[in-house]
Protein backbone atom coordinates (compact mmCIF):
# COMPACT_ATOMS: atom_id res chain seq x y z
CA UNK A 1 -138.57 116.73 64.70
CA UNK A 2 -138.51 113.58 62.59
CA UNK A 3 -135.39 112.28 60.88
CA UNK A 4 -135.44 110.26 57.72
CA UNK A 5 -132.93 107.86 56.24
CA UNK A 6 -132.90 109.50 52.84
CA UNK A 7 -130.67 111.84 50.91
CA UNK A 8 -131.50 114.28 48.13
CA UNK A 9 -130.07 113.98 44.64
CA UNK A 10 -128.40 117.39 44.93
CA UNK A 11 -126.71 116.52 48.23
CA UNK A 12 -125.55 113.11 46.99
CA UNK A 13 -123.96 114.71 43.93
CA UNK A 14 -122.18 117.30 46.08
CA UNK A 15 -120.85 114.72 48.54
CA UNK A 16 -119.62 112.27 45.92
CA UNK A 17 -118.23 114.90 43.54
CA UNK A 18 -114.88 114.58 45.32
CA UNK A 19 -114.53 111.07 43.87
CA UNK A 20 -116.16 111.93 40.50
CA UNK A 21 -119.33 109.91 41.07
CA UNK A 22 -122.59 111.38 39.77
CA UNK A 23 -126.15 110.30 40.52
CA UNK A 24 -129.28 110.67 38.42
CA UNK A 25 -132.88 109.49 38.48
CA UNK A 26 -133.41 106.34 36.42
CA UNK A 27 -136.08 107.82 34.13
CA UNK A 28 -138.74 105.45 32.82
CA UNK A 29 -137.08 102.41 34.36
CA UNK A 30 -137.17 103.99 37.83
CA UNK A 31 -134.61 103.84 40.58
CA UNK A 32 -131.35 105.77 40.57
CA UNK A 33 -128.08 105.50 38.67
CA UNK A 34 -124.57 106.14 39.91
CA UNK A 35 -121.91 106.78 37.27
CA UNK A 36 -118.14 106.87 37.47
CA UNK A 37 -116.15 106.85 34.24
CA UNK A 38 -117.37 103.66 32.50
CA UNK A 39 -119.02 102.12 35.58
CA UNK A 40 -122.76 102.32 36.21
CA UNK A 41 -124.78 101.14 39.21
CA UNK A 42 -128.60 101.03 39.46
CA UNK A 43 -130.54 100.71 42.72
CA UNK A 44 -134.22 101.24 43.61
CA UNK A 45 -133.57 104.16 46.00
CA UNK A 46 -130.98 106.90 46.12
CA UNK A 47 -129.93 105.87 49.63
CA UNK A 48 -129.35 102.30 48.43
CA UNK A 49 -127.41 103.62 45.45
CA UNK A 50 -125.13 105.73 47.69
CA UNK A 51 -124.58 102.75 50.00
CA UNK A 52 -123.71 100.52 47.05
CA UNK A 53 -121.14 103.04 45.80
CA UNK A 54 -119.51 103.07 49.22
CA UNK A 55 -119.43 99.28 49.58
CA UNK A 56 -118.66 98.31 45.97
CA UNK A 57 -116.54 101.14 44.57
CA UNK A 58 -114.82 102.89 47.48
CA UNK A 59 -111.84 101.44 49.25
CA UNK A 60 -110.75 102.97 52.54
CA UNK A 61 -107.00 103.07 53.00
CA UNK A 62 -105.66 102.43 56.46
CA UNK A 63 -102.65 104.29 57.79
CA UNK A 64 -99.91 101.99 58.93
């Protein structure tokens, strides 16, 4: 069995729905878009787009 480092659009939308982020294919311009309220992120692959959302938009809170 081979594993890949990719994610489907449907799965990405289900995972990130908890934080109200949606993903869509970039249309004619290519790549993928992530949207949250007025923010928009574009990356060449869906995996890169998901990673960018996690590093640029999500803050992990530590318990003290």
